[in-house]
């Protein structure tokens, strides 16, 4: 056998966990101090990245507190992916989003919860690493943060097609009555990188 070509891609260890948080605003000095107290890390700009390589995971209560400061979280824990989008609480938005939650195949799908004065939409999915590498290159977490930040903007404008895309792909049953919305370029990217 002769190797004729080697292509770069993503490698993920089964004992690693990585969390990247993002917000598109300037964090105050007090917020930065609190974030460092919680995570032990100093973020850059609106980003914070935490990685464990020894089988540890970020404590759920710390993750929940960090999401009070950030709008986006992308995490990979032992090859399972979760992307979270946070919004300031709005009753109309909550009533529109809550019926959309549900889990399907392999427990993938969408959870929607209220945390104090925030709404958090969590997308659970498997990632097609080859397609993700083609789409984002070597900056996977940055690319996913940008993608879900764009999806966040679409949801705020009333476009829930990203939630529908996850639900449809994994056969999730929800209480939502879906109205047809043409998939945006962002949702098409999301559909492109999903896996089972």
C-alpha atoms as a PDB file:
ATOM      1  CA  UNK A   1       0.000   0.000   0.000  1.00  0.00           C
ATOM      2  CA  UNK A   2       1.253   3.483  -0.876  1.00  0.00           C
ATOM      3  CA  UNK A   3       0.034   6.715   0.723  1.00  0.00           C
ATOM      4  CA  UNK A   4      -0.439   9.295  -2.017  1.00  0.00           C
ATOM      5  CA  UNK A   5      -2.157  12.114  -0.167  1.00  0.00           C
ATOM      6  CA  UNK A   6      -2.679  13.367   3.386  1.00  0.00           C
ATOM      7  CA  UNK A   7      -5.458  15.849   4.052  1.00  0.00           C
ATOM      8  CA  UNK A   8      -5.716  17.949   7.206  1.00  0.00           C
ATOM      9  CA  UNK A   9      -8.780  17.586   9.386  1.00  0.00           C
ATOM     10  CA  UNK A  10      -9.980  17.770  12.949  1.00  0.00           C
ATOM     11  CA  UNK A  11      -8.907  15.301  15.585  1.00  0.00           C
ATOM     12  CA  UNK A  12     -10.818  14.977  18.803  1.00  0.00           C
ATOM     13  CA  UNK A  13      -9.658  12.970  21.763  1.00  0.00           C
ATOM     14  CA  UNK A  14     -12.222  11.058  23.755  1.00  0.00           C
ATOM     15  CA  UNK A  15     -10.912  12.542  27.015  1.00  0.00           C
ATOM     16  CA  UNK A  16     -10.879  16.181  25.965  1.00  0.00           C
ATOM     17  CA  UNK A  17     -13.475  18.856  26.550  1.00  0.00           C
ATOM     18  CA  UNK A  18     -13.387  22.344  25.050  1.00  0.00           C
ATOM     19  CA  UNK A  19     -15.648  25.324  25.706  1.00  0.00           C
ATOM     20  CA  UNK A  20     -15.616  28.623  23.828  1.00  0.00           C
ATOM     21  CA  UNK A  21     -17.751  31.584  24.864  1.00  0.00           C
ATOM     22  CA  UNK A  22     -18.420  34.711  22.812  1.00  0.00           C
ATOM     23  CA  UNK A  23     -20.188  38.040  23.171  1.00  0.00           C
ATOM     24  CA  UNK A  24     -20.191  40.843  20.622  1.00  0.00           C
ATOM     25  CA  UNK A  25     -19.971  43.676  23.133  1.00  0.00           C
ATOM     26  CA  UNK A  26     -17.220  45.079  25.336  1.00  0.00           C
ATOM     27  CA  UNK A  27     -17.172  43.446  28.752  1.00  0.00           C
ATOM     28  CA  UNK A  28     -16.829  45.798  31.699  1.00  0.00           C
ATOM     29  CA  UNK A  29     -13.811  45.570  34.057  1.00  0.00           C
ATOM     30  CA  UNK A  30     -16.079  44.166  36.790  1.00  0.00           C
ATOM     31  CA  UNK A  31     -17.448  41.538  34.407  1.00  0.00           C
ATOM     32  CA  UNK A  32     -13.903  40.531  33.403  1.00  0.00           C
ATOM     33  CA  UNK A  33     -12.932  40.124  37.066  1.00  0.00           C
ATOM     34  CA  UNK A  34     -15.976  37.917  37.723  1.00  0.00           C
ATOM     35  CA  UNK A  35     -15.295  35.824  34.609  1.00  0.00           C
ATOM     36  CA  UNK A  36     -11.697  35.258  35.707  1.00  0.00           C
ATOM     37  CA  UNK A  37     -12.877  34.269  39.200  1.00  0.00           C
ATOM     38  CA  UNK A  38     -15.280  31.744  37.670  1.00  0.00           C
ATOM     39  CA  UNK A  39     -13.068  30.274  34.975  1.00  0.00           C
ATOM     40  CA  UNK A  40      -9.511  30.969  36.061  1.00  0.00           C
ATOM     41  CA  UNK A  41      -8.980  32.382  32.564  1.00  0.00           C
ATOM     42  CA  UNK A  42      -8.646  35.831  31.060  1.00  0.00           C
ATOM     43  CA  UNK A  43     -10.555  36.080  27.807  1.00  0.00           C
ATOM     44  CA  UNK A  44      -9.528  38.176  24.811  1.00  0.00           C
ATOM     45  CA  UNK A  45     -12.004  40.670  23.470  1.00  0.00           C
ATOM     46  CA  UNK A  46     -15.378  38.979  23.652  1.00  0.00           C
ATOM     47  CA  UNK A  47     -13.968  35.428  23.640  1.00  0.00           C
ATOM     48  CA  UNK A  48     -13.132  32.968  26.385  1.00  0.00           C
ATOM     49  CA  UNK A  49     -11.756  29.476  25.707  1.00  0.00           C
ATOM     50  CA  UNK A  50     -11.446  26.727  28.307  1.00  0.00           C
ATOM     51  CA  UNK A  51      -9.978  23.302  27.556  1.00  0.00           C
ATOM     52  CA  UNK A  52      -9.408  20.180  29.627  1.00  0.00           C
ATOM     53  CA  UNK A  53      -7.349  17.232  28.388  1.00  0.00           C
ATOM     54  CA  UNK A  54      -7.529  14.987  31.448  1.00  0.00           C
ATOM     55  CA  UNK A  55     -11.130  13.827  31.377  1.00  0.00           C
ATOM     56  CA  UNK A  56     -12.479  16.783  33.363  1.00  0.00           C
ATOM     57  CA  UNK A  57     -15.469  18.878  32.369  1.00  0.00           C
ATOM     58  CA  UNK A  58     -16.493  22.440  33.156  1.00  0.00           C
ATOM     59  CA  UNK A  59     -18.749  22.449  36.198  1.00  0.00           C
ATOM     60  CA  UNK A  60     -22.358  23.014  35.154  1.00  0.00           C
ATOM     61  CA  UNK A  61     -22.922  25.793  37.691  1.00  0.00           C
ATOM     62  CA  UNK A  62     -19.861  27.697  36.409  1.00  0.00           C
ATOM     63  CA  UNK A  63     -21.008  27.276  32.808  1.00  0.00           C
ATOM     64  CA  UNK A  64     -24.433  28.598  33.785  1.00  0.00           C
ATOM     65  CA  UNK A  65     -22.915  31.656  35.484  1.00  0.00           C
ATOM     66  CA  UNK A  66     -20.629  32.352  32.505  1.00  0.00           C
ATOM     67  CA  UNK A  67     -23.630  32.376  30.176  1.00  0.00           C
ATOM     68  CA  UNK A  68     -24.930  35.380  32.117  1.00  0.00           C
ATOM     69  CA  UNK A  69     -22.079  37.356  30.452  1.00  0.00           C
ATOM     70  CA  UNK A  70     -21.845  35.682  27.044  1.00  0.00           C
ATOM     71  CA  UNK A  71     -24.367  35.256  24.217  1.00  0.00           C
ATOM     72  CA  UNK A  72     -22.787  32.198  22.571  1.00  0.00           C
ATOM     73  CA  UNK A  73     -21.188  29.015  23.873  1.00  0.00           C
ATOM     74  CA  UNK A  74     -19.808  26.216  21.701  1.00  0.00           C
ATOM     75  CA  UNK A  75     -18.596  23.117  23.501  1.00  0.00           C
ATOM     76  CA  UNK A  76     -17.284  19.698  22.614  1.00  0.00           C
ATOM     77  CA  UNK A  77     -17.224  17.110  25.362  1.00  0.00           C
ATOM     78  CA  UNK A  78     -15.986  13.631  24.378  1.00  0.00           C
ATOM     79  CA  UNK A  79     -17.042  14.125  20.721  1.00  0.00           C
ATOM     80  CA  UNK A  80     -20.530  15.445  21.577  1.00  0.00           C
ATOM     81  CA  UNK A  81     -21.324  19.013  20.553  1.00  0.00           C
ATOM     82  CA  UNK A  82     -23.517  21.636  22.202  1.00  0.00           C
ATOM     83  CA  UNK A  83     -24.005  25.189  20.981  1.00  0.00           C
ATOM     84  CA  UNK A  84     -25.902  27.609  23.201  1.00  0.00           C
ATOM     85  CA  UNK A  85     -27.460  30.949  22.338  1.00  0.00           C
ATOM     86  CA  UNK A  86     -28.595  33.351  25.073  1.00  0.00           C
ATOM     87  CA  UNK A  87     -31.102  36.193  24.851  1.00  0.00           C
ATOM     88  CA  UNK A  88     -32.304  38.733  27.365  1.00  0.00           C
ATOM     89  CA  UNK A  89     -35.674  37.505  28.592  1.00  0.00           C
ATOM     90  CA  UNK A  90     -38.619  38.640  26.517  1.00  0.00           C
ATOM     91  CA  UNK A  91     -42.028  37.092  27.157  1.00  0.00           C
ATOM     92  CA  UNK A  92     -43.073  37.065  23.496  1.00  0.00           C
ATOM     93  CA  UNK A  93     -39.785  35.434  22.430  1.00  0.00           C
ATOM     94  CA  UNK A  94     -40.074  32.864  25.236  1.00  0.00           C
ATOM     95  CA  UNK A  95     -43.603  31.906  24.187  1.00  0.00           C
ATOM     96  CA  UNK A  96     -42.465  31.532  20.597  1.00  0.00           C
ATOM     97  CA  UNK A  97     -39.362  29.450  21.401  1.00  0.00           C
ATOM     98  CA  UNK A  98     -40.501  27.138  24.215  1.00  0.00           C
ATOM     99  CA  UNK A  99     -42.755  24.887  22.045  1.00  0.00           C
ATOM    100  CA  UNK A 100     -39.783  24.255  19.724  1.00  0.00           C
ATOM    101  CA  UNK A 101     -37.764  22.204  22.198  1.00  0.00           C
ATOM    102  CA  UNK A 102     -37.394  18.446  21.971  1.00  0.00           C
ATOM    103  CA  UNK A 103     -34.889  15.632  21.612  1.00  0.00           C
ATOM    104  CA  UNK A 104     -34.780  13.004  18.892  1.00  0.00           C
ATOM    105  CA  UNK A 105     -32.315  10.477  17.509  1.00  0.00           C
ATOM    106  CA  UNK A 106     -29.356   9.795  19.865  1.00  0.00           C
ATOM    107  CA  UNK A 107     -30.830  12.433  22.221  1.00  0.00           C
ATOM    108  CA  UNK A 108     -29.851  15.220  19.799  1.00  0.00           C
ATOM    109  CA  UNK A 109     -32.156  18.195  19.440  1.00  0.00           C
ATOM    110  CA  UNK A 110     -32.927  21.484  21.161  1.00  0.00           C
ATOM    111  CA  UNK A 111     -33.532  22.499  24.790  1.00  0.00           C
ATOM    112  CA  UNK A 112     -34.970  25.890  25.704  1.00  0.00           C
ATOM    113  CA  UNK A 113     -34.782  27.156  29.271  1.00  0.00           C
ATOM    114  CA  UNK A 114     -35.177  30.324  31.289  1.00  0.00           C
ATOM    115  CA  UNK A 115     -32.240  31.238  33.521  1.00  0.00           C
ATOM    116  CA  UNK A 116     -33.009  34.269  35.668  1.00  0.00           C
ATOM    117  CA  UNK A 117     -33.373  37.102  33.138  1.00  0.00           C
ATOM    118  CA  UNK A 118     -32.034  35.097  30.172  1.00  0.00           C
ATOM    119  CA  UNK A 119     -33.411  32.596  27.665  1.00  0.00           C
ATOM    120  CA  UNK A 120     -30.903  29.918  26.666  1.00  0.00           C
ATOM    121  CA  UNK A 121     -31.417  27.823  23.524  1.00  0.00           C
ATOM    122  CA  UNK A 122     -29.152  24.740  23.496  1.00  0.00           C
ATOM    123  CA  UNK A 123     -28.478  22.826  20.269  1.00  0.00           C
ATOM    124  CA  UNK A 124     -27.283  19.212  20.767  1.00  0.00           C
ATOM    125  CA  UNK A 125     -25.763  17.654  17.658  1.00  0.00           C
ATOM    126  CA  UNK A 126     -23.054  15.518  16.092  1.00  0.00           C
ATOM    127  CA  UNK A 127     -20.522  17.179  13.830  1.00  0.00           C
ATOM    128  CA  UNK A 128     -19.359  15.977  10.441  1.00  0.00           C
ATOM    129  CA  UNK A 129     -15.667  16.794  10.871  1.00  0.00           C
ATOM    130  CA  UNK A 130     -14.792  16.604   7.174  1.00  0.00           C
ATOM    131  CA  UNK A 131     -17.527  19.038   6.171  1.00  0.00           C
ATOM    132  CA  UNK A 132     -16.761  21.291   9.143  1.00  0.00           C
ATOM    133  CA  UNK A 133     -13.100  21.457   8.143  1.00  0.00           C
ATOM    134  CA  UNK A 134     -14.097  22.329   4.591  1.00  0.00           C
ATOM    135  CA  UNK A 135     -16.413  25.056   5.889  1.00  0.00           C
ATOM    136  CA  UNK A 136     -14.306  26.590   8.681  1.00  0.00           C
ATOM    137  CA  UNK A 137     -10.717  25.513   8.103  1.00  0.00           C
ATOM    138  CA  UNK A 138      -8.594  25.127  11.227  1.00  0.00           C
ATOM    139  CA  UNK A 139     -10.595  27.634  13.322  1.00  0.00           C
ATOM    140  CA  UNK A 140     -13.498  25.359  14.119  1.00  0.00           C
ATOM    141  CA  UNK A 141     -14.622  26.957  17.377  1.00  0.00           C
ATOM    142  CA  UNK A 142     -14.335  30.486  15.975  1.00  0.00           C
ATOM    143  CA  UNK A 143     -16.315  29.422  12.913  1.00  0.00           C
ATOM    144  CA  UNK A 144     -19.064  27.804  14.974  1.00  0.00           C
ATOM    145  CA  UNK A 145     -19.264  30.818  17.308  1.00  0.00           C
ATOM    146  CA  UNK A 146     -19.689  33.104  14.294  1.00  0.00           C
ATOM    147  CA  UNK A 147     -22.292  30.792  12.775  1.00  0.00           C
ATOM    148  CA  UNK A 148     -24.398  30.616  15.940  1.00  0.00           C
ATOM    149  CA  UNK A 149     -24.034  34.348  16.530  1.00  0.00           C
ATOM    150  CA  UNK A 150     -25.542  34.882  13.068  1.00  0.00           C
ATOM    151  CA  UNK A 151     -28.287  32.358  13.871  1.00  0.00           C
ATOM    152  CA  UNK A 152     -28.950  34.262  17.107  1.00  0.00           C
ATOM    153  CA  UNK A 153     -29.556  37.421  15.072  1.00  0.00           C
ATOM    154  CA  UNK A 154     -31.957  35.532  12.801  1.00  0.00           C
ATOM    155  CA  UNK A 155     -33.910  34.138  15.758  1.00  0.00           C
ATOM    156  CA  UNK A 156     -34.237  37.653  17.188  1.00  0.00           C
ATOM    157  CA  UNK A 157     -35.810  38.653  13.857  1.00  0.00           C
ATOM    158  CA  UNK A 158     -38.315  35.797  14.148  1.00  0.00           C
ATOM    159  CA  UNK A 159     -36.593  33.255  11.882  1.00  0.00           C
ATOM    160  CA  UNK A 160     -36.560  29.890  13.697  1.00  0.00           C
ATOM    161  CA  UNK A 161     -35.357  27.833  10.726  1.00  0.00           C
ATOM    162  CA  UNK A 162     -32.128  26.820  12.533  1.00  0.00           C
ATOM    163  CA  UNK A 163     -34.165  25.183  15.297  1.00  0.00           C
ATOM    164  CA  UNK A 164     -36.326  23.485  12.690  1.00  0.00           C
ATOM    165  CA  UNK A 165     -33.215  22.251  10.835  1.00  0.00           C
ATOM    166  CA  UNK A 166     -31.892  20.469  13.934  1.00  0.00           C
ATOM    167  CA  UNK A 167     -35.335  19.085  14.802  1.00  0.00           C
ATOM    168  CA  UNK A 168     -35.923  17.824  11.280  1.00  0.00           C
ATOM    169  CA  UNK A 169     -32.456  16.258  10.937  1.00  0.00           C
ATOM    170  CA  UNK A 170     -32.754  14.263  14.162  1.00  0.00           C
ATOM    171  CA  UNK A 171     -36.467  13.445  13.940  1.00  0.00           C
ATOM    172  CA  UNK A 172     -37.448  15.480  16.983  1.00  0.00           C
ATOM    173  CA  UNK A 173     -41.086  15.765  17.983  1.00  0.00           C
ATOM    174  CA  UNK A 174     -42.009  19.224  19.241  1.00  0.00           C
ATOM    175  CA  UNK A 175     -45.164  21.120  20.092  1.00  0.00           C
ATOM    176  CA  UNK A 176     -44.301  23.810  17.555  1.00  0.00           C
ATOM    177  CA  UNK A 177     -46.420  24.441  14.502  1.00  0.00           C
ATOM    178  CA  UNK A 178     -43.687  25.135  11.988  1.00  0.00           C
ATOM    179  CA  UNK A 179     -44.252  27.809   9.377  1.00  0.00           C
ATOM    180  CA  UNK A 180     -42.175  27.481   6.230  1.00  0.00           C
ATOM    181  CA  UNK A 181     -39.198  29.812   6.224  1.00  0.00           C
ATOM    182  CA  UNK A 182     -36.582  29.539   3.515  1.00  0.00           C
ATOM    183  CA  UNK A 183     -33.260  28.443   5.000  1.00  0.00           C
ATOM    184  CA  UNK A 184     -30.728  31.231   5.191  1.00  0.00           C
ATOM    185  CA  UNK A 185     -27.100  30.785   4.202  1.00  0.00           C
ATOM    186  CA  UNK A 186     -26.314  30.293   7.911  1.00  0.00           C
ATOM    187  CA  UNK A 187     -28.860  27.507   8.302  1.00  0.00           C
ATOM    188  CA  UNK A 188     -27.616  25.840   5.116  1.00  0.00           C
ATOM    189  CA  UNK A 189     -24.112  25.819   6.640  1.00  0.00           C
ATOM    190  CA  UNK A 190     -25.527  24.267   9.801  1.00  0.00           C
ATOM    191  CA  UNK A 191     -27.309  21.548   7.820  1.00  0.00           C
ATOM    192  CA  UNK A 192     -24.110  20.894   5.870  1.00  0.00           C
ATOM    193  CA  UNK A 193     -22.019  20.122   8.980  1.00  0.00           C
ATOM    194  CA  UNK A 194     -24.521  17.976  10.905  1.00  0.00           C
ATOM    195  CA  UNK A 195     -23.842  14.268  11.357  1.00  0.00           C
ATOM    196  CA  UNK A 196     -25.364  11.258  13.058  1.00  0.00           C
END
